[in-house]
N, C-alpha and C. Protein backbone atom coordinates (compact mmCIF):
# COMPACT_ATOMS: atom_id res chain seq x y z
N MET A 1 38.63 -4.41 6.49
CA MET A 1 37.60 -3.69 5.77
C MET A 1 36.96 -4.64 4.77
N ALA A 2 35.63 -4.73 4.78
CA ALA A 2 34.90 -5.65 3.92
C ALA A 2 34.85 -5.13 2.49
N ALA A 3 34.86 -6.06 1.57
CA ALA A 3 34.80 -5.69 0.15
C ALA A 3 33.38 -5.26 -0.22
N ALA A 4 33.28 -4.35 -1.15
CA ALA A 4 31.97 -3.88 -1.61
C ALA A 4 31.28 -4.99 -2.38
N PRO A 5 29.95 -5.11 -2.26
CA PRO A 5 29.24 -6.14 -2.99
C PRO A 5 29.31 -5.90 -4.50
N THR A 6 29.33 -6.98 -5.24
CA THR A 6 29.35 -6.89 -6.70
C THR A 6 28.06 -7.47 -7.24
N LEU A 7 27.86 -7.30 -8.53
CA LEU A 7 26.66 -7.84 -9.16
C LEU A 7 26.65 -9.37 -9.15
N ASP A 8 27.82 -9.99 -9.02
CA ASP A 8 27.89 -11.45 -9.07
C ASP A 8 27.53 -12.13 -7.75
N ASP A 9 27.62 -11.42 -6.62
CA ASP A 9 27.40 -12.08 -5.34
C ASP A 9 25.99 -11.90 -4.79
N GLY A 10 25.05 -11.42 -5.60
CA GLY A 10 23.67 -11.29 -5.16
C GLY A 10 23.40 -10.05 -4.33
N GLY A 11 24.39 -9.18 -4.20
CA GLY A 11 24.19 -8.00 -3.38
C GLY A 11 24.12 -6.72 -4.19
N GLY A 12 24.13 -6.83 -5.48
CA GLY A 12 24.15 -5.64 -6.33
C GLY A 12 22.76 -5.16 -6.69
N VAL A 13 22.74 -4.02 -7.32
CA VAL A 13 21.48 -3.40 -7.71
C VAL A 13 20.88 -4.10 -8.91
N GLY A 14 21.70 -4.65 -9.78
CA GLY A 14 21.21 -5.18 -11.04
C GLY A 14 20.48 -6.49 -10.97
N ASP A 15 20.52 -7.21 -9.85
CA ASP A 15 19.90 -8.53 -9.83
C ASP A 15 18.61 -8.58 -9.02
N LEU A 16 17.85 -7.56 -8.97
CA LEU A 16 16.50 -7.45 -8.44
C LEU A 16 15.98 -8.67 -7.68
N GLY A 17 16.53 -8.95 -6.55
CA GLY A 17 16.00 -9.98 -5.69
C GLY A 17 16.69 -11.33 -5.81
N ALA A 18 17.77 -11.43 -6.52
CA ALA A 18 18.45 -12.71 -6.68
C ALA A 18 19.12 -13.17 -5.39
N ALA A 19 19.28 -12.28 -4.42
CA ALA A 19 19.92 -12.66 -3.16
C ALA A 19 19.13 -13.74 -2.45
N GLY A 20 17.83 -13.76 -2.58
CA GLY A 20 17.00 -14.77 -1.97
C GLY A 20 16.51 -15.78 -3.00
N ALA A 21 17.37 -16.20 -3.90
CA ALA A 21 16.97 -17.09 -4.99
C ALA A 21 16.49 -18.44 -4.49
N ASP A 22 16.93 -18.86 -3.29
CA ASP A 22 16.49 -20.14 -2.77
C ASP A 22 15.09 -20.07 -2.17
N GLU A 23 14.55 -18.88 -1.96
CA GLU A 23 13.19 -18.72 -1.46
C GLU A 23 12.20 -18.85 -2.61
N ALA A 24 10.95 -19.13 -2.28
CA ALA A 24 9.92 -19.27 -3.31
C ALA A 24 9.71 -17.96 -4.05
N ASP A 25 9.52 -18.04 -5.36
CA ASP A 25 9.28 -16.86 -6.17
C ASP A 25 7.86 -16.37 -5.93
N VAL A 26 7.70 -15.15 -5.46
CA VAL A 26 6.39 -14.61 -5.14
C VAL A 26 5.97 -13.63 -6.23
N GLY A 27 5.41 -14.12 -7.31
CA GLY A 27 4.89 -13.23 -8.34
C GLY A 27 5.81 -13.06 -9.53
N GLY A 28 7.07 -13.31 -9.39
CA GLY A 28 7.99 -13.22 -10.51
C GLY A 28 8.19 -11.81 -11.01
N SER A 29 8.65 -11.73 -12.25
CA SER A 29 9.01 -10.44 -12.81
C SER A 29 7.78 -9.56 -13.08
N SER A 30 6.61 -10.16 -13.29
CA SER A 30 5.43 -9.34 -13.53
C SER A 30 5.08 -8.50 -12.30
N GLN A 31 5.31 -9.04 -11.11
CA GLN A 31 5.05 -8.29 -9.89
C GLN A 31 6.07 -7.15 -9.74
N VAL A 32 7.31 -7.40 -10.11
CA VAL A 32 8.34 -6.37 -10.05
C VAL A 32 8.00 -5.26 -11.05
N GLN A 33 7.58 -5.64 -12.25
CA GLN A 33 7.22 -4.64 -13.27
C GLN A 33 6.01 -3.82 -12.81
N LEU A 34 5.03 -4.47 -12.20
CA LEU A 34 3.87 -3.74 -11.68
C LEU A 34 4.30 -2.75 -10.60
N GLY A 35 5.19 -3.16 -9.72
CA GLY A 35 5.69 -2.27 -8.68
C GLY A 35 6.43 -1.07 -9.26
N ILE A 36 7.21 -1.31 -10.30
CA ILE A 36 7.92 -0.22 -10.96
C ILE A 36 6.94 0.76 -11.58
N MET A 37 5.92 0.24 -12.26
CA MET A 37 4.94 1.11 -12.91
C MET A 37 4.12 1.90 -11.88
N LEU A 38 3.74 1.27 -10.78
CA LEU A 38 2.98 1.98 -9.74
C LEU A 38 3.84 3.07 -9.08
N THR A 39 5.11 2.77 -8.87
CA THR A 39 6.01 3.78 -8.31
C THR A 39 6.18 4.94 -9.27
N LEU A 40 6.33 4.64 -10.55
CA LEU A 40 6.44 5.69 -11.56
C LEU A 40 5.17 6.55 -11.61
N ALA A 41 4.02 5.92 -11.59
CA ALA A 41 2.75 6.67 -11.62
C ALA A 41 2.60 7.53 -10.37
N GLY A 42 2.93 6.99 -9.21
CA GLY A 42 2.85 7.76 -7.97
C GLY A 42 3.79 8.95 -7.98
N THR A 43 4.99 8.77 -8.51
CA THR A 43 5.95 9.86 -8.61
C THR A 43 5.44 10.95 -9.54
N MET A 44 4.84 10.54 -10.65
CA MET A 44 4.31 11.53 -11.60
C MET A 44 3.16 12.32 -10.98
N PHE A 45 2.26 11.65 -10.26
CA PHE A 45 1.16 12.35 -9.61
C PHE A 45 1.67 13.28 -8.50
N TYR A 46 2.70 12.85 -7.79
CA TYR A 46 3.28 13.69 -6.74
C TYR A 46 3.90 14.95 -7.35
N ALA A 47 4.59 14.79 -8.49
CA ALA A 47 5.16 15.95 -9.18
C ALA A 47 4.07 16.85 -9.74
N LEU A 48 2.99 16.26 -10.20
CA LEU A 48 1.88 17.03 -10.76
C LEU A 48 1.24 17.92 -9.69
N GLU A 49 1.29 17.50 -8.45
CA GLU A 49 0.73 18.31 -7.37
C GLU A 49 1.38 19.68 -7.32
N TYR A 50 2.69 19.73 -7.48
CA TYR A 50 3.40 21.01 -7.45
C TYR A 50 3.02 21.90 -8.63
N VAL A 51 2.85 21.30 -9.79
CA VAL A 51 2.45 22.05 -10.98
C VAL A 51 1.05 22.63 -10.78
N LEU A 52 0.14 21.82 -10.25
CA LEU A 52 -1.22 22.30 -10.04
C LEU A 52 -1.29 23.39 -8.96
N CYS A 53 -0.47 23.28 -7.92
CA CYS A 53 -0.43 24.33 -6.90
C CYS A 53 0.08 25.63 -7.51
N GLU A 54 1.12 25.55 -8.32
CA GLU A 54 1.64 26.75 -8.98
C GLU A 54 0.58 27.36 -9.89
N ARG A 55 -0.15 26.53 -10.57
CA ARG A 55 -1.22 27.01 -11.46
C ARG A 55 -2.32 27.70 -10.66
N ALA A 56 -2.67 27.13 -9.53
CA ALA A 56 -3.71 27.72 -8.69
C ALA A 56 -3.29 29.09 -8.17
N PHE A 57 -1.99 29.30 -7.97
CA PHE A 57 -1.51 30.59 -7.48
C PHE A 57 -1.38 31.64 -8.59
N SER A 58 -1.28 31.21 -9.86
CA SER A 58 -0.99 32.17 -10.92
C SER A 58 -2.13 32.42 -11.91
N VAL A 59 -3.13 31.58 -11.98
CA VAL A 59 -4.18 31.69 -12.99
C VAL A 59 -5.20 32.77 -12.66
N TYR A 60 -5.62 32.83 -11.43
CA TYR A 60 -6.73 33.70 -11.06
C TYR A 60 -6.23 35.09 -10.64
N ASP A 61 -7.12 36.08 -10.77
CA ASP A 61 -6.78 37.43 -10.34
C ASP A 61 -6.53 37.46 -8.83
N LYS A 62 -7.36 36.74 -8.11
CA LYS A 62 -7.17 36.62 -6.66
C LYS A 62 -6.89 35.15 -6.36
N PRO A 63 -5.61 34.78 -6.32
CA PRO A 63 -5.29 33.35 -6.12
C PRO A 63 -5.70 32.85 -4.74
N ALA A 64 -5.75 31.55 -4.62
CA ALA A 64 -6.10 30.92 -3.35
C ALA A 64 -5.05 31.25 -2.30
N ASP A 65 -5.51 31.35 -1.08
CA ASP A 65 -4.62 31.56 0.05
C ASP A 65 -3.76 30.30 0.24
N ALA A 66 -2.50 30.46 0.60
CA ALA A 66 -1.60 29.32 0.76
C ALA A 66 -2.10 28.35 1.82
N LYS A 67 -2.65 28.86 2.92
CA LYS A 67 -3.17 27.98 3.97
C LYS A 67 -4.36 27.18 3.46
N GLN A 68 -5.22 27.85 2.69
CA GLN A 68 -6.39 27.17 2.14
C GLN A 68 -5.97 26.09 1.14
N LEU A 69 -5.00 26.39 0.31
CA LEU A 69 -4.51 25.42 -0.67
C LEU A 69 -3.89 24.21 0.02
N CYS A 70 -3.10 24.45 1.06
CA CYS A 70 -2.51 23.34 1.82
C CYS A 70 -3.59 22.50 2.49
N PHE A 71 -4.61 23.17 3.05
CA PHE A 71 -5.70 22.44 3.69
C PHE A 71 -6.39 21.52 2.69
N TRP A 72 -6.75 22.04 1.52
CA TRP A 72 -7.48 21.22 0.54
C TRP A 72 -6.61 20.11 -0.04
N THR A 73 -5.32 20.35 -0.19
CA THR A 73 -4.41 19.30 -0.66
C THR A 73 -4.39 18.16 0.36
N GLY A 74 -4.26 18.49 1.64
CA GLY A 74 -4.27 17.48 2.69
C GLY A 74 -5.62 16.79 2.83
N ALA A 75 -6.69 17.56 2.68
CA ALA A 75 -8.04 16.98 2.81
C ALA A 75 -8.30 15.96 1.70
N TRP A 76 -7.91 16.29 0.46
CA TRP A 76 -8.10 15.33 -0.64
C TRP A 76 -7.24 14.09 -0.44
N GLY A 77 -6.00 14.27 0.01
CA GLY A 77 -5.15 13.12 0.29
C GLY A 77 -5.71 12.24 1.37
N LEU A 78 -6.22 12.84 2.43
CA LEU A 78 -6.84 12.08 3.52
C LEU A 78 -8.08 11.35 3.02
N ALA A 79 -8.88 12.01 2.20
CA ALA A 79 -10.11 11.39 1.68
C ALA A 79 -9.78 10.17 0.81
N PHE A 80 -8.82 10.31 -0.09
CA PHE A 80 -8.45 9.17 -0.94
C PHE A 80 -7.87 8.02 -0.12
N THR A 81 -7.04 8.35 0.87
CA THR A 81 -6.47 7.31 1.72
C THR A 81 -7.56 6.60 2.53
N ALA A 82 -8.51 7.35 3.06
CA ALA A 82 -9.60 6.76 3.83
C ALA A 82 -10.46 5.85 2.97
N VAL A 83 -10.77 6.29 1.75
CA VAL A 83 -11.56 5.46 0.84
C VAL A 83 -10.81 4.16 0.54
N TRP A 84 -9.50 4.24 0.30
CA TRP A 84 -8.72 3.03 0.02
C TRP A 84 -8.73 2.09 1.23
N LEU A 85 -8.52 2.64 2.41
CA LEU A 85 -8.53 1.80 3.61
C LEU A 85 -9.86 1.10 3.81
N VAL A 86 -10.96 1.84 3.65
CA VAL A 86 -12.29 1.27 3.87
C VAL A 86 -12.67 0.29 2.77
N ALA A 87 -12.33 0.59 1.52
CA ALA A 87 -12.77 -0.24 0.39
C ALA A 87 -11.86 -1.43 0.13
N VAL A 88 -10.56 -1.32 0.42
CA VAL A 88 -9.63 -2.38 0.04
C VAL A 88 -8.95 -3.03 1.24
N THR A 89 -8.32 -2.23 2.08
CA THR A 89 -7.48 -2.80 3.14
C THR A 89 -8.29 -3.47 4.24
N ILE A 90 -9.28 -2.81 4.78
CA ILE A 90 -10.05 -3.38 5.90
C ILE A 90 -10.79 -4.66 5.50
N PRO A 91 -11.47 -4.72 4.33
CA PRO A 91 -12.14 -5.98 3.97
C PRO A 91 -11.18 -7.16 3.77
N GLN A 92 -9.94 -6.88 3.41
CA GLN A 92 -8.96 -7.95 3.16
C GLN A 92 -7.86 -7.95 4.22
N TRP A 93 -8.17 -7.48 5.42
CA TRP A 93 -7.18 -7.33 6.48
C TRP A 93 -6.42 -8.62 6.76
N SER A 94 -7.13 -9.74 6.83
CA SER A 94 -6.48 -11.02 7.16
C SER A 94 -5.41 -11.40 6.16
N GLU A 95 -5.72 -11.30 4.87
CA GLU A 95 -4.73 -11.72 3.88
C GLU A 95 -3.68 -10.65 3.59
N LEU A 96 -4.03 -9.37 3.69
CA LEU A 96 -3.07 -8.31 3.39
C LEU A 96 -2.13 -8.01 4.54
N VAL A 97 -2.60 -8.14 5.77
CA VAL A 97 -1.77 -7.77 6.91
C VAL A 97 -1.41 -8.97 7.76
N VAL A 98 -2.42 -9.64 8.32
CA VAL A 98 -2.16 -10.71 9.28
C VAL A 98 -1.35 -11.85 8.65
N ALA A 99 -1.75 -12.31 7.48
CA ALA A 99 -1.05 -13.43 6.84
C ALA A 99 0.39 -13.07 6.48
N GLU A 100 0.61 -11.85 6.02
CA GLU A 100 1.97 -11.43 5.66
C GLU A 100 2.88 -11.36 6.89
N VAL A 101 2.35 -10.83 7.98
CA VAL A 101 3.15 -10.73 9.20
C VAL A 101 3.45 -12.11 9.75
N GLU A 102 2.44 -12.97 9.79
CA GLU A 102 2.65 -14.33 10.32
C GLU A 102 3.56 -15.15 9.41
N ALA A 103 3.56 -14.89 8.11
CA ALA A 103 4.44 -15.60 7.19
C ALA A 103 5.91 -15.30 7.47
N HIS A 104 6.16 -14.18 8.12
CA HIS A 104 7.53 -13.81 8.46
C HIS A 104 7.79 -13.98 9.96
N ASP A 105 7.05 -14.91 10.56
CA ASP A 105 7.21 -15.27 11.97
C ASP A 105 7.01 -14.07 12.91
N GLY A 106 6.07 -13.24 12.57
CA GLY A 106 5.77 -12.08 13.42
C GLY A 106 4.37 -12.18 13.98
N ARG A 107 4.05 -11.24 14.86
CA ARG A 107 2.71 -11.16 15.41
C ARG A 107 2.16 -9.80 15.04
N TRP A 108 1.03 -9.77 14.39
CA TRP A 108 0.45 -8.49 13.95
C TRP A 108 -0.13 -7.69 15.09
N ASP A 109 -0.47 -8.33 16.18
CA ASP A 109 -1.06 -7.62 17.31
C ASP A 109 -0.04 -7.29 18.40
N ALA A 110 1.24 -7.54 18.16
CA ALA A 110 2.27 -7.28 19.16
C ALA A 110 2.47 -5.77 19.31
N ARG A 111 2.65 -5.36 20.52
CA ARG A 111 2.90 -3.94 20.79
C ARG A 111 4.35 -3.79 21.25
N ALA A 112 4.98 -2.75 20.77
CA ALA A 112 6.40 -2.54 21.09
C ALA A 112 6.60 -2.07 22.51
């Protein structure tokens, strides 16, 4: 039976990426902090969705239909995702997708 990883052997939770210490540092701690903040903000917005749905059901005399509320929640999510893809991801496809995949010895156009 293998021993559980400890913080000293690079396999623990506390050393945020030290397992690959011999690899080049990609962004350092500022990139990790940015990732933490973006994850926190995304989690807060995701939680806020439930609060706003509850508010939509309880504020008005005739609340929104559940199907209608689900439709509009999905429609807004799809719209924001589409805008992000068109404005950010597609114009920078080579550096955001192709270069990252090729940097890890992969092929971006490979089909499973």
